[in-house]
Amino acid sequence: MGKTTVRTVFYRETAISYTFERKNVKNINLRVKPDGEVYVSAPVRISLERVDKFVSEKGDFILNAREKFAERAKNAPKVHEYQSGEHFYILGREYELEVKEGRKGAYTEGGKLCIETKNVENFQEKERQFQHFRNELCREVFAKQADKIYPIFKAMGVPVPTLRMRDMKSRWGSCIPQKGIITLNKRLIAAPEECIEYVAMHEFCHFIHPNHSKDFYSLLTKLMPDWKGRKALLNRSPDC
């Protein structure tokens, strides 16, 4: 007990390797870790053939879990050091960061994202300047899209919603119809505006259909026939 080995089984012609350990447990236990590793523990007396069969039978679960973890990793916010030469995406356009001494804060100029600060080596100050810039841009762009879309829903009897923004890891937006609140992910500001408009429209549609039913998608398609293309573009877009 305590010694681990690596074994491999096949599920629909897909090889699945897993780390196996015998322990003082009653049942076979299987866990998929965030890095995709499959860990299995089993009672001392159970045969390896039975363990292999168990893992193979869990093939769908394992592959789905790996896919979800990979998607989360892809959508995780990019980590920046705020050093000149780094690249940022704003409204679908790539900008090269230039850090320099000054008092202007963060702004775009040509193909550059500039951050001016008294101390160019102060990470917290550079991050604060960028976050302030991003927050102001989010307020402007998100409000513009909401103002553009709302008249459609006003005609359907939807009251003026409260628009909020925050960083979210697993979704681009949310809607609470009962409270009249729409929240958009600040990370959307890296994507083209047509993608932001799609997410806003998606959330507004939840005021009429607070689910993802057939009726919901029928309404979304009626109001934005090309939403699938916009969604695909959003999923391909880099993060800030």
C-alpha atoms as a PDB file:
ATOM      1  CA  MET A   1       0.000   0.000   0.000  1.00  0.00           C
ATOM      2  CA  GLY A   2       1.070   3.557  -0.664  1.00  0.00           C
ATOM      3  CA  LYS A   3       3.004   2.715  -3.853  1.00  0.00           C
ATOM      4  CA  THR A   4       1.535   4.181  -7.019  1.00  0.00           C
ATOM      5  CA  THR A   5       1.723   2.812 -10.552  1.00  0.00           C
ATOM      6  CA  VAL A   6       0.569   4.174 -13.881  1.00  0.00           C
ATOM      7  CA  ARG A   7      -1.830   2.067 -15.905  1.00  0.00           C
ATOM      8  CA  THR A   8      -3.540   2.606 -19.254  1.00  0.00           C
ATOM      9  CA  VAL A   9      -6.950   1.539 -20.517  1.00  0.00           C
ATOM     10  CA  PHE A  10      -8.796   2.282 -23.742  1.00  0.00           C
ATOM     11  CA  TYR A  11     -12.193   3.887 -24.087  1.00  0.00           C
ATOM     12  CA  ARG A  12     -13.573   4.061 -27.635  1.00  0.00           C
ATOM     13  CA  GLU A  13     -10.030   3.909 -29.025  1.00  0.00           C
ATOM     14  CA  THR A  14      -8.897   6.721 -26.709  1.00  0.00           C
ATOM     15  CA  ALA A  15      -6.034   5.832 -24.359  1.00  0.00           C
ATOM     16  CA  ILE A  16      -6.645   6.882 -20.755  1.00  0.00           C
ATOM     17  CA  SER A  17      -3.666   6.676 -18.394  1.00  0.00           C
ATOM     18  CA  TYR A  18      -4.287   6.794 -14.671  1.00  0.00           C
ATOM     19  CA  THR A  19      -2.288   6.754 -11.456  1.00  0.00           C
ATOM     20  CA  PHE A  20      -3.283   3.760  -9.330  1.00  0.00           C
ATOM     21  CA  GLU A  21      -2.815   3.178  -5.611  1.00  0.00           C
ATOM     22  CA  ARG A  22      -4.026   0.427  -3.273  1.00  0.00           C
ATOM     23  CA  LYS A  23      -5.419   1.769   0.009  1.00  0.00           C
ATOM     24  CA  ASN A  24      -7.551   0.779   2.981  1.00  0.00           C
ATOM     25  CA  VAL A  25     -10.799   1.762   1.294  1.00  0.00           C
ATOM     26  CA  LYS A  26     -14.047  -0.118   0.708  1.00  0.00           C
ATOM     27  CA  ASN A  27     -14.682   0.907  -2.886  1.00  0.00           C
ATOM     28  CA  ILE A  28     -12.855   1.935  -6.034  1.00  0.00           C
ATOM     29  CA  ASN A  29     -12.437   5.721  -6.021  1.00  0.00           C
ATOM     30  CA  LEU A  30     -11.686   7.815  -9.087  1.00  0.00           C
ATOM     31  CA  ARG A  31     -10.797  11.507  -9.288  1.00  0.00           C
ATOM     32  CA  VAL A  32      -9.873  13.732 -12.222  1.00  0.00           C
ATOM     33  CA  LYS A  33      -7.505  16.521 -11.177  1.00  0.00           C
ATOM     34  CA  PRO A  34      -7.537  20.035 -12.712  1.00  0.00           C
ATOM     35  CA  ASP A  35      -4.406  19.204 -14.745  1.00  0.00           C
ATOM     36  CA  GLY A  36      -6.245  16.242 -16.309  1.00  0.00           C
ATOM     37  CA  GLU A  37      -4.490  13.531 -14.292  1.00  0.00           C
ATOM     38  CA  VAL A  38      -6.718  10.595 -13.343  1.00  0.00           C
ATOM     39  CA  TYR A  39      -6.126   9.182  -9.862  1.00  0.00           C
ATOM     40  CA  VAL A  40      -7.657   5.873  -8.758  1.00  0.00           C
ATOM     41  CA  SER A  41      -7.512   4.125  -5.400  1.00  0.00           C
ATOM     42  CA  ALA A  42      -8.919   0.680  -4.692  1.00  0.00           C
ATOM     43  CA  PRO A  43      -9.087  -1.977  -1.910  1.00  0.00           C
ATOM     44  CA  VAL A  44      -6.095  -4.247  -1.483  1.00  0.00           C
ATOM     45  CA  ARG A  45      -7.751  -7.442  -2.671  1.00  0.00           C
ATOM     46  CA  ILE A  46      -9.515  -6.160  -5.773  1.00  0.00           C
ATOM     47  CA  SER A  47      -8.082  -7.380  -9.099  1.00  0.00           C
ATOM     48  CA  LEU A  48      -6.345  -5.066 -11.542  1.00  0.00           C
ATOM     49  CA  GLU A  49      -8.665  -6.295 -14.279  1.00  0.00           C
ATOM     50  CA  ARG A  50     -11.662  -5.058 -12.312  1.00  0.00           C
ATOM     51  CA  VAL A  51     -10.001  -1.705 -11.693  1.00  0.00           C
ATOM     52  CA  ASP A  52      -9.183  -1.316 -15.400  1.00  0.00           C
ATOM     53  CA  LYS A  53     -12.776  -2.155 -16.308  1.00  0.00           C
ATOM     54  CA  PHE A  54     -14.061   0.390 -13.782  1.00  0.00           C
ATOM     55  CA  VAL A  55     -11.869   3.133 -15.254  1.00  0.00           C
ATOM     56  CA  SER A  56     -12.865   2.228 -18.808  1.00  0.00           C
ATOM     57  CA  GLU A  57     -16.552   2.377 -17.854  1.00  0.00           C
ATOM     58  CA  LYS A  58     -15.936   5.899 -16.531  1.00  0.00           C
ATOM     59  CA  GLY A  59     -14.509   6.979 -19.894  1.00  0.00           C
ATOM     60  CA  ASP A  60     -17.262   9.496 -20.668  1.00  0.00           C
ATOM     61  CA  PHE A  61     -16.944  11.090 -17.242  1.00  0.00           C
ATOM     62  CA  ILE A  62     -13.139  11.320 -17.500  1.00  0.00           C
ATOM     63  CA  LEU A  63     -13.078  12.862 -20.974  1.00  0.00           C
ATOM     64  CA  ASN A  64     -15.835  15.341 -20.122  1.00  0.00           C
ATOM     65  CA  ALA A  65     -14.043  16.359 -16.913  1.00  0.00           C
ATOM     66  CA  ARG A  66     -10.771  16.878 -18.787  1.00  0.00           C
ATOM     67  CA  GLU A  67     -12.555  18.983 -21.407  1.00  0.00           C
ATOM     68  CA  LYS A  68     -14.157  21.177 -18.723  1.00  0.00           C
ATOM     69  CA  PHE A  69     -10.847  21.692 -16.918  1.00  0.00           C
ATOM     70  CA  ALA A  70      -9.129  22.547 -20.217  1.00  0.00           C
ATOM     71  CA  GLU A  71     -11.865  25.078 -21.032  1.00  0.00           C
ATOM     72  CA  ARG A  72     -11.507  26.676 -17.607  1.00  0.00           C
ATOM     73  CA  ALA A  73      -7.751  26.923 -18.060  1.00  0.00           C
ATOM     74  CA  LYS A  74      -8.199  28.517 -21.483  1.00  0.00           C
ATOM     75  CA  ASN A  75     -10.663  31.057 -20.083  1.00  0.00           C
ATOM     76  CA  ALA A  76      -8.599  31.873 -17.002  1.00  0.00           C
ATOM     77  CA  PRO A  77      -7.557  35.521 -16.828  1.00  0.00           C
ATOM     78  CA  LYS A  78      -4.143  36.229 -18.312  1.00  0.00           C
ATOM     79  CA  VAL A  79      -1.484  37.136 -15.753  1.00  0.00           C
ATOM     80  CA  HIS A  80       0.416  40.321 -16.572  1.00  0.00           C
ATOM     81  CA  GLU A  81       3.642  41.724 -15.169  1.00  0.00           C
ATOM     82  CA  TYR A  82       2.972  45.179 -16.674  1.00  0.00           C
ATOM     83  CA  GLN A  83       6.327  45.385 -18.396  1.00  0.00           C
ATOM     84  CA  SER A  84       6.877  47.227 -21.665  1.00  0.00           C
ATOM     85  CA  GLY A  85       6.497  44.890 -24.624  1.00  0.00           C
ATOM     86  CA  GLU A  86       3.617  42.839 -23.205  1.00  0.00           C
ATOM     87  CA  HIS A  87       0.518  42.556 -25.358  1.00  0.00           C
ATOM     88  CA  PHE A  88      -3.062  43.379 -24.390  1.00  0.00           C
ATOM     89  CA  TYR A  89      -6.295  42.993 -26.340  1.00  0.00           C
ATOM     90  CA  ILE A  90      -8.864  45.786 -26.151  1.00  0.00           C
ATOM     91  CA  LEU A  91     -12.109  45.608 -28.159  1.00  0.00           C
ATOM     92  CA  GLY A  92     -10.567  42.963 -30.405  1.00  0.00           C
ATOM     93  CA  ARG A  93      -7.431  44.959 -31.192  1.00  0.00           C
ATOM     94  CA  GLU A  94      -3.929  44.033 -30.033  1.00  0.00           C
ATOM     95  CA  TYR A  95      -1.908  46.697 -28.214  1.00  0.00           C
ATOM     96  CA  GLU A  96       1.720  46.655 -27.118  1.00  0.00           C
ATOM     97  CA  LEU A  97       2.300  47.968 -23.612  1.00  0.00           C
ATOM     98  CA  GLU A  98       4.616  50.917 -23.072  1.00  0.00           C
ATOM     99  CA  VAL A  99       5.384  51.846 -19.463  1.00  0.00           C
ATOM    100  CA  LYS A 100       6.892  55.270 -18.846  1.00  0.00           C
ATOM    101  CA  GLU A 101       7.264  57.918 -16.187  1.00  0.00           C
ATOM    102  CA  GLY A 102       4.434  60.417 -16.035  1.00  0.00           C
ATOM    103  CA  ARG A 103       1.074  61.294 -14.526  1.00  0.00           C
ATOM    104  CA  LYS A 104      -1.493  60.481 -17.223  1.00  0.00           C
ATOM    105  CA  GLY A 105      -2.383  56.979 -16.002  1.00  0.00           C
ATOM    106  CA  ALA A 106      -3.337  54.426 -18.669  1.00  0.00           C
ATOM    107  CA  TYR A 107      -4.507  55.246 -22.189  1.00  0.00           C
ATOM    108  CA  THR A 108      -4.220  54.047 -25.781  1.00  0.00           C
ATOM    109  CA  GLU A 109      -2.250  55.886 -28.416  1.00  0.00           C
ATOM    110  CA  GLY A 110      -1.986  54.422 -31.881  1.00  0.00           C
ATOM    111  CA  GLY A 111      -1.114  50.772 -31.459  1.00  0.00           C
ATOM    112  CA  LYS A 112       0.224  51.301 -27.948  1.00  0.00           C
ATOM    113  CA  LEU A 113      -1.329  50.843 -24.523  1.00  0.00           C
ATOM    114  CA  CYS A 114       0.525  53.374 -22.395  1.00  0.00           C
ATOM    115  CA  ILE A 115       0.798  53.372 -18.628  1.00  0.00           C
ATOM    116  CA  GLU A 116       2.321  56.463 -17.075  1.00  0.00           C
ATOM    117  CA  THR A 117       3.337  56.272 -13.427  1.00  0.00           C
ATOM    118  CA  LYS A 118       5.811  57.953 -11.084  1.00  0.00           C
ATOM    119  CA  ASN A 119       7.571  54.639 -10.423  1.00  0.00           C
ATOM    120  CA  VAL A 120       7.768  52.372 -13.465  1.00  0.00           C
ATOM    121  CA  GLU A 121       8.887  49.463 -11.253  1.00  0.00           C
ATOM    122  CA  ASN A 122       5.849  49.617  -8.946  1.00  0.00           C
ATOM    123  CA  PHE A 123       3.709  46.647 -10.009  1.00  0.00           C
ATOM    124  CA  GLN A 124       0.705  47.575  -7.821  1.00  0.00           C
ATOM    125  CA  GLU A 125       0.580  51.102  -9.214  1.00  0.00           C
ATOM    126  CA  LYS A 126       0.787  49.922 -12.820  1.00  0.00           C
ATOM    127  CA  GLU A 127      -1.921  47.358 -12.217  1.00  0.00           C
ATOM    128  CA  ARG A 128      -4.104  49.976 -10.526  1.00  0.00           C
ATOM    129  CA  GLN A 129      -3.723  52.321 -13.488  1.00  0.00           C
ATOM    130  CA  PHE A 130      -4.661  49.590 -15.954  1.00  0.00           C
ATOM    131  CA  GLN A 131      -7.652  48.416 -13.923  1.00  0.00           C
ATOM    132  CA  HIS A 132      -8.945  51.987 -13.674  1.00  0.00           C
ATOM    133  CA  PHE A 133      -8.593  52.360 -17.445  1.00  0.00           C
ATOM    134  CA  ARG A 134     -10.344  49.039 -18.079  1.00  0.00           C
ATOM    135  CA  ASN A 135     -13.185  49.781 -15.645  1.00  0.00           C
ATOM    136  CA  GLU A 136     -13.904  53.150 -17.261  1.00  0.00           C
ATOM    137  CA  LEU A 137     -13.880  51.613 -20.734  1.00  0.00           C
ATOM    138  CA  CYS A 138     -16.191  48.802 -19.588  1.00  0.00           C
ATOM    139  CA  ARG A 139     -18.682  51.304 -18.174  1.00  0.00           C
ATOM    140  CA  GLU A 140     -18.705  53.237 -21.427  1.00  0.00           C
ATOM    141  CA  VAL A 141     -18.931  50.289 -23.826  1.00  0.00           C
ATOM    142  CA  PHE A 142     -21.335  48.158 -21.772  1.00  0.00           C
ATOM    143  CA  ALA A 143     -23.683  51.105 -21.245  1.00  0.00           C
ATOM    144  CA  LYS A 144     -23.608  51.866 -24.980  1.00  0.00           C
ATOM    145  CA  GLN A 145     -24.604  48.303 -25.843  1.00  0.00           C
ATOM    146  CA  ALA A 146     -27.327  48.200 -23.178  1.00  0.00           C
ATOM    147  CA  ASP A 147     -28.761  51.515 -24.410  1.00  0.00           C
ATOM    148  CA  LYS A 148     -28.738  50.163 -27.951  1.00  0.00           C
ATOM    149  CA  ILE A 149     -30.556  46.948 -27.029  1.00  0.00           C
ATOM    150  CA  TYR A 150     -32.977  48.111 -24.347  1.00  0.00           C
ATOM    151  CA  PRO A 151     -35.614  49.764 -26.602  1.00  0.00           C
ATOM    152  CA  ILE A 152     -36.410  46.314 -28.050  1.00  0.00           C
ATOM    153  CA  PHE A 153     -37.196  44.980 -24.590  1.00  0.00           C
ATOM    154  CA  LYS A 154     -38.914  48.129 -23.402  1.00  0.00           C
ATOM    155  CA  ALA A 155     -41.545  47.376 -26.040  1.00  0.00           C
ATOM    156  CA  MET A 156     -41.950  43.967 -24.393  1.00  0.00           C
ATOM    157  CA  GLY A 157     -42.614  45.533 -20.999  1.00  0.00           C
ATOM    158  CA  VAL A 158     -39.158  45.054 -19.480  1.00  0.00           C
ATOM    159  CA  PRO A 159     -38.249  47.813 -16.958  1.00  0.00           C
ATOM    160  CA  VAL A 160     -34.891  49.575 -17.289  1.00  0.00           C
ATOM    161  CA  PRO A 161     -32.383  47.091 -15.820  1.00  0.00           C
ATOM    162  CA  THR A 162     -29.506  47.766 -13.460  1.00  0.00           C
ATOM    163  CA  LEU A 163     -26.242  47.142 -15.330  1.00  0.00           C
ATOM    164  CA  ARG A 164     -23.320  45.837 -13.324  1.00  0.00           C
ATOM    165  CA  MET A 165     -19.849  44.593 -14.201  1.00  0.00           C
ATOM    166  CA  ARG A 166     -17.330  42.344 -12.507  1.00  0.00           C
ATOM    167  CA  ASP A 167     -14.629  39.784 -13.241  1.00  0.00           C
ATOM    168  CA  MET A 168     -16.084  36.306 -13.664  1.00  0.00           C
ATOM    169  CA  LYS A 169     -14.173  33.081 -14.282  1.00  0.00           C
ATOM    170  CA  SER A 170     -16.757  30.796 -15.839  1.00  0.00           C
ATOM    171  CA  ARG A 171     -19.296  32.941 -17.725  1.00  0.00           C
ATOM    172  CA  TRP A 172     -19.505  36.083 -19.783  1.00  0.00           C
ATOM    173  CA  GLY A 173     -22.651  37.485 -18.247  1.00  0.00           C
ATOM    174  CA  SER A 174     -25.604  36.829 -15.964  1.00  0.00           C
ATOM    175  CA  CYS A 175     -29.161  38.048 -15.514  1.00  0.00           C
ATOM    176  CA  ILE A 176     -31.407  38.092 -12.450  1.00  0.00           C
ATOM    177  CA  PRO A 177     -34.853  38.808 -13.934  1.00  0.00           C
ATOM    178  CA  GLN A 178     -36.596  39.071 -10.550  1.00  0.00           C
ATOM    179  CA  LYS A 179     -34.271  41.898  -9.490  1.00  0.00           C
ATOM    180  CA  GLY A 180     -33.824  43.480 -12.910  1.00  0.00           C
ATOM    181  CA  ILE A 181     -30.036  43.062 -12.877  1.00  0.00           C
ATOM    182  CA  ILE A 182     -27.679  42.290 -15.742  1.00  0.00           C
ATOM    183  CA  THR A 183     -23.987  41.672 -14.982  1.00  0.00           C
ATOM    184  CA  LEU A 184     -21.323  41.605 -17.689  1.00  0.00           C
ATOM    185  CA  ASN A 185     -17.838  40.169 -17.323  1.00  0.00           C
ATOM    186  CA  LYS A 186     -15.163  42.866 -17.425  1.00  0.00           C
ATOM    187  CA  ARG A 187     -12.965  40.489 -19.410  1.00  0.00           C
ATOM    188  CA  LEU A 188     -15.339  41.029 -22.342  1.00  0.00           C
ATOM    189  CA  ILE A 189     -13.595  44.331 -23.020  1.00  0.00           C
ATOM    190  CA  ALA A 190     -10.832  42.370 -24.773  1.00  0.00           C
ATOM    191  CA  ALA A 191     -13.298  41.095 -27.397  1.00  0.00           C
ATOM    192  CA  PRO A 192     -14.730  42.880 -30.457  1.00  0.00           C
ATOM    193  CA  GLU A 193     -17.811  44.978 -29.724  1.00  0.00           C
ATOM    194  CA  GLU A 194     -20.034  42.651 -31.752  1.00  0.00           C
ATOM    195  CA  CYS A 195     -19.222  39.936 -29.187  1.00  0.00           C
ATOM    196  CA  ILE A 196     -20.087  42.241 -26.293  1.00  0.00           C
ATOM    197  CA  GLU A 197     -23.363  43.073 -28.028  1.00  0.00           C
ATOM    198  CA  TYR A 198     -24.101  39.339 -28.347  1.00  0.00           C
ATOM    199  CA  VAL A 199     -23.570  38.703 -24.618  1.00  0.00           C
ATOM    200  CA  ALA A 200     -25.713  41.718 -23.701  1.00  0.00           C
ATOM    201  CA  MET A 201     -28.496  40.548 -26.028  1.00  0.00           C
ATOM    202  CA  HIS A 202     -28.257  37.043 -24.568  1.00  0.00           C
ATOM    203  CA  GLU A 203     -28.721  38.383 -21.044  1.00  0.00           C
ATOM    204  CA  PHE A 204     -31.564  40.725 -22.024  1.00  0.00           C
ATOM    205  CA  CYS A 205     -33.417  37.752 -23.533  1.00  0.00           C
ATOM    206  CA  HIS A 206     -33.471  36.185 -20.071  1.00  0.00           C
ATOM    207  CA  PHE A 207     -35.941  38.868 -18.979  1.00  0.00           C
ATOM    208  CA  ILE A 208     -38.419  37.201 -21.341  1.00  0.00           C
ATOM    209  CA  HIS A 209     -37.278  33.583 -20.917  1.00  0.00           C
ATOM    210  CA  PRO A 210     -35.287  33.057 -17.658  1.00  0.00           C
ATOM    211  CA  ASN A 211     -33.808  29.759 -18.922  1.00  0.00           C
ATOM    212  CA  HIS A 212     -32.115  28.260 -21.959  1.00  0.00           C
ATOM    213  CA  SER A 213     -35.239  26.724 -23.445  1.00  0.00           C
ATOM    214  CA  LYS A 214     -36.165  26.406 -27.096  1.00  0.00           C
ATOM    215  CA  ASP A 215     -38.233  29.596 -26.747  1.00  0.00           C
ATOM    216  CA  PHE A 216     -35.197  31.448 -25.389  1.00  0.00           C
ATOM    217  CA  TYR A 217     -33.042  30.527 -28.368  1.00  0.00           C
ATOM    218  CA  SER A 218     -35.884  31.270 -30.778  1.00  0.00           C
ATOM    219  CA  LEU A 219     -36.096  34.807 -29.382  1.00  0.00           C
ATOM    220  CA  LEU A 220     -32.312  35.256 -29.462  1.00  0.00           C
ATOM    221  CA  THR A 221     -32.176  34.055 -33.076  1.00  0.00           C
ATOM    222  CA  LYS A 222     -35.033  36.345 -34.068  1.00  0.00           C
ATOM    223  CA  LEU A 223     -33.330  39.392 -32.546  1.00  0.00           C
ATOM    224  CA  MET A 224     -29.754  38.453 -33.509  1.00  0.00           C
ATOM    225  CA  PRO A 225     -29.719  35.920 -36.383  1.00  0.00           C
ATOM    226  CA  ASP A 226     -25.891  35.744 -36.419  1.00  0.00           C
ATOM    227  CA  TRP A 227     -25.453  35.126 -32.672  1.00  0.00           C
ATOM    228  CA  LYS A 228     -23.746  31.760 -33.211  1.00  0.00           C
ATOM    229  CA  GLY A 229     -21.012  33.377 -35.284  1.00  0.00           C
ATOM    230  CA  ARG A 230     -20.529  36.081 -32.658  1.00  0.00           C
ATOM    231  CA  LYS A 231     -20.330  33.455 -29.928  1.00  0.00           C
ATOM    232  CA  ALA A 232     -17.713  31.501 -31.889  1.00  0.00           C
ATOM    233  CA  LEU A 233     -15.683  34.692 -32.385  1.00  0.00           C
ATOM    234  CA  LEU A 234     -15.892  35.421 -28.645  1.00  0.00           C
ATOM    235  CA  ASN A 235     -14.659  31.930 -27.787  1.00  0.00           C
ATOM    236  CA  ARG A 236     -11.665  32.446 -30.080  1.00  0.00           C
ATOM    237  CA  SER A 237     -10.836  35.891 -28.748  1.00  0.00           C
ATOM    238  CA  PRO A 238      -7.754  36.279 -26.523  1.00  0.00           C
ATOM    239  CA  ASP A 239      -8.077  37.641 -23.001  1.00  0.00           C
ATOM    240  CA  CYS A 240      -6.929  41.088 -21.874  1.00  0.00           C
END
